[in-house]
Amino acid sequence: MRIDFKSRENIPPLLLRLQSIYANLELRSQVFSILEKVLSPDIDRNNGRPGMEQWKIFVLGAVRLN
């Protein structure tokens, strides 16, 4: 992915951090285990929007909060 470092937006540093989390298998596993704890046990994991894996939910949430 090509990231514009000259941008004045907050997105490029966030994307670099997300990219480093995704590349590090141990750290990514830790993030997913935290997400599993946060998600309600009443949620049916086999039902819902196709393609909305935990990583996509994490990235969208991070961008939204940024």
Protein backbone atom coordinates (compact mmCIF):
# COMPACT_ATOMS: atom_id res chain seq x y z
CA MET A 1 0.00 0.00 0.00
CA ARG A 2 1.32 3.44 -0.87
CA ILE A 3 0.89 6.01 1.91
CA ASP A 4 1.28 9.76 1.36
CA PHE A 5 3.54 10.99 4.16
CA LYS A 6 3.09 14.62 3.10
CA SER A 7 -0.62 14.53 3.88
CA ARG A 8 -1.79 16.69 6.78
CA GLU A 9 -4.52 14.19 7.61
CA ASN A 10 -4.34 11.81 10.58
CA ILE A 11 -5.00 8.78 8.37
CA PRO A 12 -1.43 8.00 7.12
CA PRO A 13 0.06 7.42 10.62
CA LEU A 14 -2.98 5.33 11.54
CA LEU A 15 -2.62 3.22 8.39
CA LEU A 16 1.06 2.61 9.17
CA ARG A 17 0.18 1.44 12.67
CA LEU A 18 -2.61 -0.81 11.41
CA GLN A 19 -0.25 -2.23 8.80
CA SER A 20 2.36 -3.03 11.46
CA ILE A 21 -0.28 -4.72 13.64
CA TYR A 22 -1.48 -6.83 10.72
CA ALA A 23 2.06 -7.86 9.76
CA ASN A 24 2.89 -9.02 13.30
CA LEU A 25 1.12 -12.34 13.83
CA GLU A 26 1.51 -12.34 17.62
CA LEU A 27 0.18 -8.81 18.00
CA ARG A 28 -2.67 -9.49 15.57
CA SER A 29 -3.66 -12.56 17.62
CA GLN A 30 -3.72 -10.45 20.77
CA VAL A 31 -5.97 -7.88 19.08
CA PHE A 32 -8.36 -10.62 17.93
CA SER A 33 -8.51 -12.16 21.40
CA ILE A 34 -9.41 -8.75 22.86
CA LEU A 35 -12.11 -8.34 20.22
CA GLU A 36 -13.51 -11.77 21.09
CA LYS A 37 -13.82 -10.69 24.74
CA VAL A 38 -15.54 -7.43 23.79
CA LEU A 39 -18.07 -8.96 21.41
CA SER A 40 -21.30 -10.02 23.05
CA PRO A 41 -21.69 -13.78 23.59
CA ASP A 42 -25.26 -13.45 22.31
CA ILE A 43 -24.02 -12.63 18.80
CA ASP A 44 -24.47 -15.42 16.27
CA ARG A 45 -21.11 -15.59 14.48
CA ASN A 46 -22.70 -17.46 11.55
CA ASN A 47 -25.26 -14.73 10.92
CA GLY A 48 -24.66 -11.20 9.70
CA ARG A 49 -22.98 -9.33 6.91
CA PRO A 50 -20.78 -11.51 4.73
CA GLY A 51 -17.21 -10.30 4.59
CA MET A 52 -17.23 -8.37 7.87
CA GLU A 53 -14.37 -10.21 9.52
CA GLN A 54 -12.89 -9.02 12.79
CA TRP A 55 -9.99 -7.27 11.06
CA LYS A 56 -12.32 -5.17 8.91
CA ILE A 57 -14.42 -4.26 11.93
CA PHE A 58 -11.24 -3.29 13.82
CA VAL A 59 -9.95 -1.10 10.96
CA LEU A 60 -13.29 0.64 10.43
CA GLY A 61 -13.57 1.32 14.17
CA ALA A 62 -10.03 2.70 14.33
CA VAL A 63 -10.60 4.99 11.36
CA ARG A 64 -13.88 6.18 12.82
CA LEU A 65 -12.28 7.02 16.16
CA ASN A 66 -9.31 8.69 14.48
